[in-house]
Amino acid sequence: AALGSFYMSGEEASWGQHWFQWSTSSDWAAINDQGETNFHNTSSW
């Protein structure tokens, strides 16, 4: 429950990107379908 909550909180804010507006690296944007610094947009798993 702790790890799941931590993961959901971080992922929903793209680990702070939504707040601090940093840019996503081109390599990560290529595998992230929304061009964000999170994991949940890279795979259905």
PDB file of all heavy atoms in Angstrom:
ATOM      1  N   ALA A   1       0.834  -1.210   0.000  1.00  0.00           N
ATOM      2  CA  ALA A   1       0.000   0.000   0.000  1.00  0.00           C
ATOM      3  C   ALA A   1       0.865   1.255   0.000  1.00  0.00           C
ATOM      4  O   ALA A   1       0.550   2.241  -0.688  1.00  0.00           O
ATOM      5  CB  ALA A   1      -0.930  -0.002   1.203  1.00  0.00           C
ATOM      6  N   ALA A   2       1.952   1.234   0.763  1.00  0.00           N
ATOM      7  CA  ALA A   2       2.849   2.386   0.822  1.00  0.00           C
ATOM      8  C   ALA A   2       3.513   2.637  -0.523  1.00  0.00           C
ATOM      9  O   ALA A   2       3.530   3.767  -1.034  1.00  0.00           O
ATOM     10  CB  ALA A   2       3.903   2.170   1.903  1.00  0.00           C
ATOM     11  N   LEU A   3       4.057   1.581  -1.129  1.00  0.00           N
ATOM     12  CA  LEU A   3       4.734   1.723  -2.415  1.00  0.00           C
ATOM     13  C   LEU A   3       3.751   2.117  -3.522  1.00  0.00           C
ATOM     14  O   LEU A   3       4.066   2.940  -4.383  1.00  0.00           O
ATOM     15  CB  LEU A   3       5.452   0.421  -2.781  1.00  0.00           C
ATOM     16  CG  LEU A   3       6.628   0.027  -1.879  1.00  0.00           C
ATOM     17  CD1 LEU A   3       7.187  -1.331  -2.299  1.00  0.00           C
ATOM     18  CD2 LEU A   3       7.709   1.090  -1.908  1.00  0.00           C
ATOM     19  N   GLY A   4       2.550   1.521  -3.480  1.00  0.00           N
ATOM     20  CA  GLY A   4       1.537   1.872  -4.470  1.00  0.00           C
ATOM     21  C   GLY A   4       1.118   3.326  -4.361  1.00  0.00           C
ATOM     22  O   GLY A   4       0.947   4.017  -5.376  1.00  0.00           O
ATOM     23  N   SER A   5       0.957   3.820  -3.136  1.00  0.00           N
ATOM     24  CA  SER A   5       0.575   5.212  -2.925  1.00  0.00           C
ATOM     25  C   SER A   5       1.683   6.152  -3.379  1.00  0.00           C
ATOM     26  O   SER A   5       1.422   7.190  -4.011  1.00  0.00           O
ATOM     27  CB  SER A   5       0.258   5.448  -1.442  1.00  0.00           C
ATOM     28  OG  SER A   5      -0.845   4.664  -1.033  1.00  0.00           O
ATOM     29  N   PHE A   6       2.916   5.788  -3.054  1.00  0.00           N
ATOM     30  CA  PHE A   6       4.066   6.602  -3.469  1.00  0.00           C
ATOM     31  C   PHE A   6       4.144   6.667  -4.991  1.00  0.00           C
ATOM     32  O   PHE A   6       4.373   7.733  -5.575  1.00  0.00           O
ATOM     33  CB  PHE A   6       5.348   6.005  -2.885  1.00  0.00           C
ATOM     34  CG  PHE A   6       6.592   6.787  -3.216  1.00  0.00           C
ATOM     35  CD1 PHE A   6       6.884   7.962  -2.547  1.00  0.00           C
ATOM     36  CD2 PHE A   6       7.467   6.341  -4.192  1.00  0.00           C
ATOM     37  CE1 PHE A   6       8.030   8.688  -2.850  1.00  0.00           C
ATOM     38  CE2 PHE A   6       8.611   7.050  -4.511  1.00  0.00           C
ATOM     39  CZ  PHE A   6       8.900   8.227  -3.832  1.00  0.00           C
ATOM     40  N   TYR A   7       3.941   5.534  -5.638  1.00  0.00           N
ATOM     41  CA  TYR A   7       4.009   5.458  -7.094  1.00  0.00           C
ATOM     42  C   TYR A   7       2.902   6.299  -7.734  1.00  0.00           C
ATOM     43  O   TYR A   7       3.159   7.081  -8.664  1.00  0.00           O
ATOM     44  CB  TYR A   7       3.888   3.996  -7.538  1.00  0.00           C
ATOM     45  CG  TYR A   7       3.885   3.793  -9.033  1.00  0.00           C
ATOM     46  CD1 TYR A   7       5.071   3.824  -9.757  1.00  0.00           C
ATOM     47  CD2 TYR A   7       2.690   3.555  -9.723  1.00  0.00           C
ATOM     48  CE1 TYR A   7       5.066   3.634 -11.136  1.00  0.00           C
ATOM     49  CE2 TYR A   7       2.686   3.363 -11.099  1.00  0.00           C
ATOM     50  CZ  TYR A   7       3.879   3.392 -11.794  1.00  0.00           C
ATOM     51  OH  TYR A   7       3.870   3.206 -13.152  1.00  0.00           O
ATOM     52  N   MET A   8       1.672   6.153  -7.233  1.00  0.00           N
ATOM     53  CA  MET A   8       0.559   6.903  -7.808  1.00  0.00           C
ATOM     54  C   MET A   8       0.760   8.397  -7.635  1.00  0.00           C
ATOM     55  O   MET A   8       0.533   9.179  -8.570  1.00  0.00           O
ATOM     56  CB  MET A   8      -0.766   6.484  -7.166  1.00  0.00           C
ATOM     57  CG  MET A   8      -1.977   7.216  -7.736  1.00  0.00           C
ATOM     58  SD  MET A   8      -3.546   6.648  -7.021  1.00  0.00           S
ATOM     59  CE  MET A   8      -4.715   7.690  -7.904  1.00  0.00           C
ATOM     60  N   SER A   9       1.195   8.824  -6.454  1.00  0.00           N
ATOM     61  CA  SER A   9       1.395  10.248  -6.199  1.00  0.00           C
ATOM     62  C   SER A   9       2.461  10.819  -7.125  1.00  0.00           C
ATOM     63  O   SER A   9       2.266  11.872  -7.749  1.00  0.00           O
ATOM     64  CB  SER A   9       1.802  10.466  -4.736  1.00  0.00           C
ATOM     65  OG  SER A   9       2.018  11.844  -4.475  1.00  0.00           O
ATOM     66  N   GLY A  10       3.590  10.129  -7.223  1.00  0.00           N
ATOM     67  CA  GLY A  10       4.662  10.621  -8.072  1.00  0.00           C
ATOM     68  C   GLY A  10       4.302  10.607  -9.544  1.00  0.00           C
ATOM     69  O   GLY A  10       4.570  11.572 -10.282  1.00  0.00           O
ATOM     70  N   GLU A  11       3.674   9.528  -9.985  1.00  0.00           N
ATOM     71  CA  GLU A  11       3.326   9.394 -11.396  1.00  0.00           C
ATOM     72  C   GLU A  11       2.307  10.442 -11.843  1.00  0.00           C
ATOM     73  O   GLU A  11       2.391  10.977 -12.954  1.00  0.00           O
ATOM     74  CB  GLU A  11       2.779   7.993 -11.662  1.00  0.00           C
ATOM     75  CG  GLU A  11       3.831   6.920 -11.714  1.00  0.00           C
ATOM     76  CD  GLU A  11       4.702   7.026 -12.954  1.00  0.00           C
ATOM     77  OE1 GLU A  11       4.194   6.803 -14.065  1.00  0.00           O
ATOM     78  OE2 GLU A  11       5.886   7.357 -12.799  1.00  0.00           O
ATOM     79  N   GLU A  12       1.326  10.732 -10.987  1.00  0.00           N
ATOM     80  CA  GLU A  12       0.284  11.674 -11.383  1.00  0.00           C
ATOM     81  C   GLU A  12       0.836  13.082 -11.584  1.00  0.00           C
ATOM     82  O   GLU A  12       0.282  13.861 -12.359  1.00  0.00           O
ATOM     83  CB  GLU A  12      -0.842  11.691 -10.335  1.00  0.00           C
ATOM     84  CG  GLU A  12      -1.685  10.427 -10.319  1.00  0.00           C
ATOM     85  CD  GLU A  12      -2.436  10.193 -11.618  1.00  0.00           C
ATOM     86  OE1 GLU A  12      -2.805  11.182 -12.276  1.00  0.00           O
ATOM     87  OE2 GLU A  12      -2.642   9.029 -11.993  1.00  0.00           O
ATOM     88  N   ALA A  13       1.911  13.405 -10.882  1.00  0.00           N
ATOM     89  CA  ALA A  13       2.557  14.715 -11.062  1.00  0.00           C
ATOM     90  C   ALA A  13       3.763  14.618 -11.973  1.00  0.00           C
ATOM     91  O   ALA A  13       4.526  15.572 -12.094  1.00  0.00           O
ATOM     92  CB  ALA A  13       2.966  15.285  -9.707  1.00  0.00           C
ATOM     93  N   SER A  14       3.934  13.457 -12.636  1.00  0.00           N
ATOM     94  CA  SER A  14       5.133  13.193 -13.437  1.00  0.00           C
ATOM     95  C   SER A  14       6.386  13.522 -12.633  1.00  0.00           C
ATOM     96  O   SER A  14       7.326  14.128 -13.144  1.00  0.00           O
ATOM     97  CB  SER A  14       5.094  13.987 -14.759  1.00  0.00           C
ATOM     98  OG  SER A  14       4.118  13.454 -15.620  1.00  0.00           O
ATOM     99  N   TRP A  15       6.342  13.153 -11.355  1.00  0.00           N
ATOM    100  CA  TRP A  15       7.459  13.314 -10.428  1.00  0.00           C
ATOM    101  C   TRP A  15       7.905  14.773 -10.303  1.00  0.00           C
ATOM    102  O   TRP A  15       9.090  15.057 -10.109  1.00  0.00           O
ATOM    103  CB  TRP A  15       8.616  12.389 -10.810  1.00  0.00           C
ATOM    104  CG  TRP A  15       8.154  10.964 -10.834  1.00  0.00           C
ATOM    105  CD1 TRP A  15       7.790  10.233 -11.931  1.00  0.00           C
ATOM    106  CD2 TRP A  15       7.934  10.114  -9.703  1.00  0.00           C
ATOM    107  NE1 TRP A  15       7.364   8.982 -11.562  1.00  0.00           N
ATOM    108  CE2 TRP A  15       7.447   8.874 -10.198  1.00  0.00           C
ATOM    109  CE3 TRP A  15       8.116  10.267  -8.320  1.00  0.00           C
ATOM    110  CZ2 TRP A  15       7.123   7.808  -9.360  1.00  0.00           C
ATOM    111  CZ3 TRP A  15       7.796   9.203  -7.481  1.00  0.00           C
ATOM    112  CH2 TRP A  15       7.302   8.000  -8.004  1.00  0.00           C
ATOM    113  N   GLY A  16       6.920  15.673 -10.409  1.00  0.00           N
ATOM    114  CA  GLY A  16       7.185  17.097 -10.224  1.00  0.00           C
ATOM    115  C   GLY A  16       7.175  17.903 -11.502  1.00  0.00           C
ATOM    116  O   GLY A  16       7.149  19.140 -11.461  1.00  0.00           O
ATOM    117  N   GLN A  17       7.159  17.248 -12.654  1.00  0.00           N
ATOM    118  CA  GLN A  17       7.198  17.972 -13.922  1.00  0.00           C
ATOM    119  C   GLN A  17       5.986  18.866 -14.116  1.00  0.00           C
ATOM    120  O   GLN A  17       6.105  19.972 -14.658  1.00  0.00           O
ATOM    121  CB  GLN A  17       7.304  16.991 -15.090  1.00  0.00           C
ATOM    122  CG  GLN A  17       7.473  17.670 -16.446  1.00  0.00           C
ATOM    123  CD  GLN A  17       7.555  16.680 -17.592  1.00  0.00           C
ATOM    124  OE1 GLN A  17       6.922  15.630 -17.543  1.00  0.00           O
ATOM    125  NE2 GLN A  17       8.342  17.004 -18.606  1.00  0.00           N
ATOM    126  N   HIS A  18       4.814  18.415 -13.656  1.00  0.00           N
ATOM    127  CA  HIS A  18       3.607  19.223 -13.807  1.00  0.00           C
ATOM    128  C   HIS A  18       3.691  20.520 -13.015  1.00  0.00           C
ATOM    129  O   HIS A  18       3.025  21.504 -13.358  1.00  0.00           O
ATOM    130  CB  HIS A  18       2.376  18.425 -13.353  1.00  0.00           C
ATOM    131  CG  HIS A  18       2.029  17.309 -14.277  1.00  0.00           C
ATOM    132  ND1 HIS A  18       0.958  16.456 -14.054  1.00  0.00           N
ATOM    133  CD2 HIS A  18       2.583  16.894 -15.448  1.00  0.00           C
ATOM    134  CE1 HIS A  18       0.895  15.573 -15.035  1.00  0.00           C
ATOM    135  NE2 HIS A  18       1.864  15.816 -15.886  1.00  0.00           N
ATOM    136  N   TRP A  19       4.478  20.519 -11.959  1.00  0.00           N
ATOM    137  CA  TRP A  19       4.603  21.707 -11.122  1.00  0.00           C
ATOM    138  C   TRP A  19       5.768  22.593 -11.547  1.00  0.00           C
ATOM    139  O   TRP A  19       5.646  23.807 -11.606  1.00  0.00           O
ATOM    140  CB  TRP A  19       4.774  21.317  -9.648  1.00  0.00           C
ATOM    141  CG  TRP A  19       3.623  20.542  -9.099  1.00  0.00           C
ATOM    142  CD1 TRP A  19       2.327  20.561  -9.538  1.00  0.00           C
ATOM    143  CD2 TRP A  19       3.652  19.621  -8.014  1.00  0.00           C
ATOM    144  NE1 TRP A  19       1.539  19.715  -8.800  1.00  0.00           N
ATOM    145  CE2 TRP A  19       2.330  19.122  -7.845  1.00  0.00           C
ATOM    146  CE3 TRP A  19       4.639  19.169  -7.149  1.00  0.00           C
ATOM    147  CZ2 TRP A  19       1.993  18.205  -6.865  1.00  0.00           C
ATOM    148  CZ3 TRP A  19       4.311  18.250  -6.172  1.00  0.00           C
ATOM    149  CH2 TRP A  19       3.002  17.770  -6.033  1.00  0.00           C
ATOM    150  N   PHE A  20       6.912  21.980 -11.838  1.00  0.00           N
ATOM    151  CA  PHE A  20       8.126  22.754 -12.106  1.00  0.00           C
ATOM    152  C   PHE A  20       8.413  22.926 -13.597  1.00  0.00           C
ATOM    153  O   PHE A  20       9.334  23.640 -13.972  1.00  0.00           O
ATOM    154  CB  PHE A  20       9.316  22.103 -11.399  1.00  0.00           C
ATOM    155  CG  PHE A  20       9.131  21.998  -9.911  1.00  0.00           C
ATOM    156  CD1 PHE A  20       8.880  20.775  -9.312  1.00  0.00           C
ATOM    157  CD2 PHE A  20       9.181  23.133  -9.113  1.00  0.00           C
ATOM    158  CE1 PHE A  20       8.701  20.665  -7.936  1.00  0.00           C
ATOM    159  CE2 PHE A  20       9.001  23.046  -7.738  1.00  0.00           C
ATOM    160  CZ  PHE A  20       8.759  21.818  -7.148  1.00  0.00           C
ATOM    161  N   GLN A  21       7.616  22.235 -14.431  1.00  0.00           N
ATOM    162  CA  GLN A  21       7.631  22.458 -15.872  1.00  0.00           C
ATOM    163  C   GLN A  21       8.991  22.234 -16.521  1.00  0.00           C
ATOM    164  O   GLN A  21       9.393  22.966 -17.424  1.00  0.00           O
ATOM    165  CB  GLN A  21       7.158  23.885 -16.181  1.00  0.00           C
ATOM    166  CG  GLN A  21       5.755  24.215 -15.704  1.00  0.00           C
ATOM    167  CD  GLN A  21       4.683  23.368 -16.391  1.00  0.00           C
ATOM    168  OE1 GLN A  21       4.663  23.271 -17.607  1.00  0.00           O
ATOM    169  NE2 GLN A  21       3.800  22.780 -15.614  1.00  0.00           N
ATOM    170  N   TRP A  22       9.724  21.209 -16.071  1.00  0.00           N
ATOM    171  CA  TRP A  22      10.965  20.902 -16.781  1.00  0.00           C
ATOM    172  C   TRP A  22      10.647  20.167 -18.078  1.00  0.00           C
ATOM    173  O   TRP A  22       9.584  19.561 -18.237  1.00  0.00           O
ATOM    174  CB  TRP A  22      11.932  20.110 -15.901  1.00  0.00           C
ATOM    175  CG  TRP A  22      11.446  18.746 -15.482  1.00  0.00           C
ATOM    176  CD1 TRP A  22      11.197  17.668 -16.286  1.00  0.00           C
ATOM    177  CD2 TRP A  22      11.161  18.316 -14.153  1.00  0.00           C
ATOM    178  NE1 TRP A  22      10.783  16.594 -15.541  1.00  0.00           N
ATOM    179  CE2 TRP A  22      10.752  16.962 -14.217  1.00  0.00           C
ATOM    180  CE3 TRP A  22      11.233  18.920 -12.896  1.00  0.00           C
ATOM    181  CZ2 TRP A  22      10.415  16.220 -13.102  1.00  0.00           C
ATOM    182  CZ3 TRP A  22      10.896  18.189 -11.785  1.00  0.00           C
ATOM    183  CH2 TRP A  22      10.479  16.844 -11.880  1.00  0.00           C
ATOM    184  N   SER A  23      11.583  20.203 -18.992  1.00  0.00           N
ATOM    185  CA  SER A  23      11.372  19.569 -20.295  1.00  0.00           C
ATOM    186  C   SER A  23      11.763  18.099 -20.229  1.00  0.00           C
ATOM    187  O   SER A  23      12.603  17.694 -19.423  1.00  0.00           O
ATOM    188  CB  SER A  23      12.194  20.274 -21.374  1.00  0.00           C
ATOM    189  OG  SER A  23      13.583  20.251 -21.049  1.00  0.00           O
ATOM    190  N   THR A  24      11.126  17.303 -21.071  1.00  0.00           N
ATOM    191  CA  THR A  24      11.411  15.869 -21.142  1.00  0.00           C
ATOM    192  C   THR A  24      12.517  15.617 -22.159  1.00  0.00           C
ATOM    193  O   THR A  24      12.511  16.202 -23.243  1.00  0.00           O
ATOM    194  CB  THR A  24      10.144  15.094 -21.562  1.00  0.00           C
ATOM    195  OG1 THR A  24       9.073  15.435 -20.679  1.00  0.00           O
ATOM    196  CG2 THR A  24      10.383  13.597 -21.518  1.00  0.00           C
ATOM    197  N   SER A  25      13.450  14.764 -21.794  1.00  0.00           N
ATOM    198  CA  SER A  25      14.530  14.458 -22.727  1.00  0.00           C
ATOM    199  C   SER A  25      13.968  13.790 -23.976  1.00  0.00           C
ATOM    200  O   SER A  25      12.932  13.117 -23.935  1.00  0.00           O
ATOM    201  CB  SER A  25      15.561  13.537 -22.062  1.00  0.00           C
ATOM    202  OG  SER A  25      15.003  12.251 -21.847  1.00  0.00           O
ATOM    203  N   SER A  26      14.645  13.958 -25.092  1.00  0.00           N
ATOM    204  CA  SER A  26      14.161  13.406 -26.358  1.00  0.00           C
ATOM    205  C   SER A  26      14.093  11.881 -26.316  1.00  0.00           C
ATOM    206  O   SER A  26      13.179  11.269 -26.882  1.00  0.00           O
ATOM    207  CB  SER A  26      15.070  13.857 -27.506  1.00  0.00           C
ATOM    208  OG  SER A  26      16.425  13.477 -27.261  1.00  0.00           O
ATOM    209  N   ASP A  27      15.048  11.250 -25.622  1.00  0.00           N
ATOM    210  CA  ASP A  27      15.053   9.786 -25.529  1.00  0.00           C
ATOM    211  C   ASP A  27      13.838   9.290 -24.763  1.00  0.00           C
ATOM    212  O   ASP A  27      13.198   8.305 -25.160  1.00  0.00           O
ATOM    213  CB  ASP A  27      16.340   9.302 -24.842  1.00  0.00           C
ATOM    214  CG  ASP A  27      17.569   9.527 -25.708  1.00  0.00           C
ATOM    215  OD1 ASP A  27      17.407   9.664 -26.934  1.00  0.00           O
ATOM    216  OD2 ASP A  27      18.677   9.574 -25.150  1.00  0.00           O
ATOM    217  N   TRP A  28      13.514   9.961 -23.648  1.00  0.00           N
ATOM    218  CA  TRP A  28      12.366   9.523 -22.847  1.00  0.00           C
ATOM    219  C   TRP A  28      11.050   9.862 -23.551  1.00  0.00           C
ATOM    220  O   TRP A  28      10.112   9.069 -23.523  1.00  0.00           O
ATOM    221  CB  TRP A  28      12.400  10.167 -21.460  1.00  0.00           C
ATOM    222  CG  TRP A  28      11.413   9.549 -20.523  1.00  0.00           C
ATOM    223  CD1 TRP A  28      10.214  10.052 -20.137  1.00  0.00           C
ATOM    224  CD2 TRP A  28      11.525   8.274 -19.887  1.00  0.00           C
ATOM    225  NE1 TRP A  28       9.570   9.191 -19.287  1.00  0.00           N
ATOM    226  CE2 TRP A  28      10.357   8.086 -19.112  1.00  0.00           C
ATOM    227  CE3 TRP A  28      12.497   7.284 -19.886  1.00  0.00           C
ATOM    228  CZ2 TRP A  28      10.136   6.933 -18.363  1.00  0.00           C
ATOM    229  CZ3 TRP A  28      12.288   6.143 -19.128  1.00  0.00           C
ATOM    230  CH2 TRP A  28      11.119   5.975 -18.385  1.00  0.00           C
ATOM    231  N   ALA A  29      11.002  11.012 -24.208  1.00  0.00           N
ATOM    232  CA  ALA A  29       9.787  11.398 -24.926  1.00  0.00           C
ATOM    233  C   ALA A  29       9.463  10.413 -26.048  1.00  0.00           C
ATOM    234  O   ALA A  29       8.301  10.224 -26.405  1.00  0.00           O
ATOM    235  CB  ALA A  29       9.944  12.804 -25.492  1.00  0.00           C
ATOM    236  N   ALA A  30      10.491   9.765 -26.572  1.00  0.00           N
ATOM    237  CA  ALA A  30      10.283   8.818 -27.671  1.00  0.00           C
ATOM    238  C   ALA A  30       9.547   7.566 -27.225  1.00  0.00           C
ATOM    239  O   ALA A  30       8.871   6.911 -28.029  1.00  0.00           O
ATOM    240  CB  ALA A  30      11.627   8.437 -28.287  1.00  0.00           C
ATOM    241  N   ILE A  31       9.645   7.215 -25.933  1.00  0.00           N
ATOM    242  CA  ILE A  31       8.968   6.012 -25.441  1.00  0.00           C
ATOM    243  C   ILE A  31       7.770   6.334 -24.563  1.00  0.00           C
ATOM    244  O   ILE A  31       7.052   5.434 -24.131  1.00  0.00           O
ATOM    245  CB  ILE A  31       9.944   5.107 -24.659  1.00  0.00           C
ATOM    246  CG1 ILE A  31      10.477   5.828 -23.402  1.00  0.00           C
ATOM    247  CG2 ILE A  31      11.087   4.640 -25.540  1.00  0.00           C
ATOM    248  CD1 ILE A  31      11.309   4.942 -22.501  1.00  0.00           C
ATOM    249  N   ASN A  32       7.549   7.620 -24.279  1.00  0.00           N
ATOM    250  CA  ASN A  32       6.424   8.045 -23.451  1.00  0.00           C
ATOM    251  C   ASN A  32       5.376   8.672 -24.354  1.00  0.00           C
ATOM    252  O   ASN A  32       5.640   9.681 -25.015  1.00  0.00           O
ATOM    253  CB  ASN A  32       6.900   9.045 -22.395  1.00  0.00           C
ATOM    254  CG  ASN A  32       5.820   9.391 -21.387  1.00  0.00           C
ATOM    255  OD1 ASN A  32       4.858  10.078 -21.726  1.00  0.00           O
ATOM    256  ND2 ASN A  32       5.974   8.930 -20.162  1.00  0.00           N
ATOM    257  N   ASP A  33       4.172   8.083 -24.379  1.00  0.00           N
ATOM    258  CA  ASP A  33       3.190   8.524 -25.374  1.00  0.00           C
ATOM    259  C   ASP A  33       2.617   9.911 -25.117  1.00  0.00           C
ATOM    260  O   ASP A  33       1.882  10.448 -25.942  1.00  0.00           O
ATOM    261  CB  ASP A  33       2.063   7.494 -25.534  1.00  0.00           C
ATOM    262  CG  ASP A  33       1.323   7.226 -24.241  1.00  0.00           C
ATOM    263  OD1 ASP A  33       1.355   8.094 -23.337  1.00  0.00           O
ATOM    264  OD2 ASP A  33       0.706   6.153 -24.113  1.00  0.00           O
ATOM    265  N   GLN A  34       2.923  10.509 -23.942  1.00  0.00           N
ATOM    266  CA  GLN A  34       2.511  11.887 -23.692  1.00  0.00           C
ATOM    267  C   GLN A  34       3.708  12.815 -23.501  1.00  0.00           C
ATOM    268  O   GLN A  34       3.546  13.973 -23.127  1.00  0.00           O
ATOM    269  CB  GLN A  34       1.586  11.952 -22.469  1.00  0.00           C
ATOM    270  CG  GLN A  34       0.233  11.309 -22.727  1.00  0.00           C
ATOM    271  CD  GLN A  34      -0.763  11.573 -21.609  1.00  0.00           C
ATOM    272  OE1 GLN A  34      -0.552  12.432 -20.752  1.00  0.00           O
ATOM    273  NE2 GLN A  34      -1.848  10.826 -21.610  1.00  0.00           N
ATOM    274  N   GLY A  35       4.920  12.295 -23.745  1.00  0.00           N
ATOM    275  CA  GLY A  35       6.110  13.122 -23.653  1.00  0.00           C
ATOM    276  C   GLY A  35       6.386  13.652 -22.262  1.00  0.00           C
ATOM    277  O   GLY A  35       6.909  14.767 -22.102  1.00  0.00           O
ATOM    278  N   GLU A  36       6.054  12.860 -21.223  1.00  0.00           N
ATOM    279  CA  GLU A  36       6.238  13.287 -19.838  1.00  0.00           C
ATOM    280  C   GLU A  36       7.255  12.384 -19.134  1.00  0.00           C
ATOM    281  O   GLU A  36       7.545  11.279 -19.579  1.00  0.00           O
ATOM    282  CB  GLU A  36       4.900  13.255 -19.087  1.00  0.00           C
ATOM    283  CG  GLU A  36       3.861  14.197 -19.671  1.00  0.00           C
ATOM    284  CD  GLU A  36       2.512  14.074 -18.977  1.00  0.00           C
ATOM    285  OE1 GLU A  36       2.198  12.974 -18.492  1.00  0.00           O
ATOM    286  OE2 GLU A  36       1.782  15.075 -18.929  1.00  0.00           O
ATOM    287  N   THR A  37       7.744  12.867 -17.997  1.00  0.00           N
ATOM    288  CA  THR A  37       8.723  12.083 -17.240  1.00  0.00           C
ATOM    289  C   THR A  37       8.012  11.192 -16.216  1.00  0.00           C
ATOM    290  O   THR A  37       8.109  11.400 -15.008  1.00  0.00           O
ATOM    291  CB  THR A  37       9.746  13.002 -16.527  1.00  0.00           C
ATOM    292  OG1 THR A  37       9.045  13.959 -15.735  1.00  0.00           O
ATOM    293  CG2 THR A  37      10.627  13.710 -17.527  1.00  0.00           C
ATOM    294  N   ASN A  38       7.270  10.239 -16.724  1.00  0.00           N
ATOM    295  CA  ASN A  38       6.627   9.259 -15.862  1.00  0.00           C
ATOM    296  C   ASN A  38       6.729   7.891 -16.518  1.00  0.00           C
ATOM    297  O   ASN A  38       7.169   7.768 -17.665  1.00  0.00           O
ATOM    298  CB  ASN A  38       5.164   9.637 -15.586  1.00  0.00           C
ATOM    299  CG  ASN A  38       4.371   9.837 -16.864  1.00  0.00           C
ATOM    300  OD1 ASN A  38       4.435   9.026 -17.790  1.00  0.00           O
ATOM    301  ND2 ASN A  38       3.601  10.918 -16.924  1.00  0.00           N
ATOM    302  N   PHE A  39       6.332   6.866 -15.783  1.00  0.00           N
ATOM    303  CA  PHE A  39       6.431   5.497 -16.279  1.00  0.00           C
ATOM    304  C   PHE A  39       5.113   4.975 -16.857  1.00  0.00           C
ATOM    305  O   PHE A  39       5.115   4.143 -17.757  1.00  0.00           O
ATOM    306  CB  PHE A  39       6.891   4.560 -15.155  1.00  0.00           C
ATOM    307  CG  PHE A  39       8.261   4.871 -14.630  1.00  0.00           C
ATOM    308  CD1 PHE A  39       8.413   5.566 -13.441  1.00  0.00           C
ATOM    309  CD2 PHE A  39       9.395   4.478 -15.315  1.00  0.00           C
ATOM    310  CE1 PHE A  39       9.675   5.871 -12.949  1.00  0.00           C
ATOM    311  CE2 PHE A  39      10.664   4.765 -14.838  1.00  0.00           C
ATOM    312  CZ  PHE A  39      10.808   5.467 -13.654  1.00  0.00           C
ATOM    313  N   HIS A  40       3.974   5.462 -16.325  1.00  0.00           N
ATOM    314  CA  HIS A  40       2.709   4.838 -16.688  1.00  0.00           C
ATOM    315  C   HIS A  40       2.294   5.108 -18.123  1.00  0.00           C
ATOM    316  O   HIS A  40       1.417   4.416 -18.646  1.00  0.00           O
ATOM    317  CB  HIS A  40       1.594   5.251 -15.707  1.00  0.00           C
ATOM    318  CG  HIS A  40       1.152   6.675 -15.833  1.00  0.00           C
ATOM    319  ND1 HIS A  40       1.784   7.711 -15.190  1.00  0.00           N
ATOM    320  CD2 HIS A  40       0.118   7.234 -16.513  1.00  0.00           C
ATOM    321  CE1 HIS A  40       1.171   8.845 -15.464  1.00  0.00           C
ATOM    322  NE2 HIS A  40       0.162   8.588 -16.269  1.00  0.00           N
ATOM    323  N   ASN A  41       2.907   6.091 -18.759  1.00  0.00           N
ATOM    324  CA  ASN A  41       2.602   6.335 -20.171  1.00  0.00           C
ATOM    325  C   ASN A  41       3.553   5.607 -21.113  1.00  0.00           C
ATOM    326  O   ASN A  41       3.561   5.873 -22.311  1.00  0.00           O
ATOM    327  CB  ASN A  41       2.651   7.849 -20.470  1.00  0.00           C
ATOM    328  CG  ASN A  41       1.482   8.588 -19.864  1.00  0.00           C
ATOM    329  OD1 ASN A  41       0.383   8.059 -19.772  1.00  0.00           O
ATOM    330  ND2 ASN A  41       1.719   9.811 -19.419  1.00  0.00           N
ATOM    331  N   THR A  42       4.362   4.712 -20.569  1.00  0.00           N
ATOM    332  CA  THR A  42       5.294   3.962 -21.416  1.00  0.00           C
ATOM    333  C   THR A  42       4.829   2.534 -21.667  1.00  0.00           C
ATOM    334  O   THR A  42       5.271   1.916 -22.631  1.00  0.00           O
ATOM    335  CB  THR A  42       6.697   3.912 -20.776  1.00  0.00           C
ATOM    336  OG1 THR A  42       6.626   3.208 -19.521  1.00  0.00           O
ATOM    337  CG2 THR A  42       7.229   5.323 -20.523  1.00  0.00           C
ATOM    338  N   SER A  43       3.949   2.015 -20.803  1.00  0.00           N
ATOM    339  CA  SER A  43       3.521   0.623 -20.942  1.00  0.00           C
ATOM    340  C   SER A  43       2.222   0.391 -20.190  1.00  0.00           C
ATOM    341  O   SER A  43       1.996   0.967 -19.114  1.00  0.00           O
ATOM    342  CB  SER A  43       4.605  -0.319 -20.397  1.00  0.00           C
ATOM    343  OG  SER A  43       4.125  -1.635 -20.289  1.00  0.00           O
ATOM    344  N   SER A  44       1.365  -0.464 -20.745  1.00  0.00           N
ATOM    345  CA  SER A  44       0.118  -0.810 -20.052  1.00  0.00           C
ATOM    346  C   SER A  44       0.393  -1.575 -18.763  1.00  0.00           C
ATOM    347  O   SER A  44      -0.426  -1.589 -17.848  1.00  0.00           O
ATOM    348  CB  SER A  44      -0.784  -1.643 -20.965  1.00  0.00           C
ATOM    349  OG  SER A  44      -0.190  -2.900 -21.252  1.00  0.00           O
ATOM    350  N   TRP A  45       1.568  -2.216 -18.672  1.00  0.00           N
ATOM    351  CA  TRP A  45       1.940  -2.948 -17.455  1.00  0.00           C
ATOM    352  C   TRP A  45       2.196  -1.999 -16.289  1.00  0.00           C
ATOM    353  O   TRP A  45       2.187  -2.424 -15.134  1.00  0.00           O
ATOM    354  CB  TRP A  45       3.168  -3.811 -17.707  1.00  0.00           C
ATOM    355  CG  TRP A  45       2.873  -4.999 -18.562  1.00  0.00           C
ATOM    356  CD1 TRP A  45       3.050  -5.119 -19.911  1.00  0.00           C
ATOM    357  CD2 TRP A  45       2.320  -6.246 -18.121  1.00  0.00           C
ATOM    358  NE1 TRP A  45       2.634  -6.355 -20.351  1.00  0.00           N
ATOM    359  CE2 TRP A  45       2.189  -7.071 -19.272  1.00  0.00           C
ATOM    360  CE3 TRP A  45       1.923  -6.744 -16.876  1.00  0.00           C
ATOM    361  CZ2 TRP A  45       1.681  -8.366 -19.204  1.00  0.00           C
ATOM    362  CZ3 TRP A  45       1.413  -8.029 -16.817  1.00  0.00           C
ATOM    363  CH2 TRP A  45       1.294  -8.827 -17.963  1.00  0.00           C
TER     364      TRP A  45
END
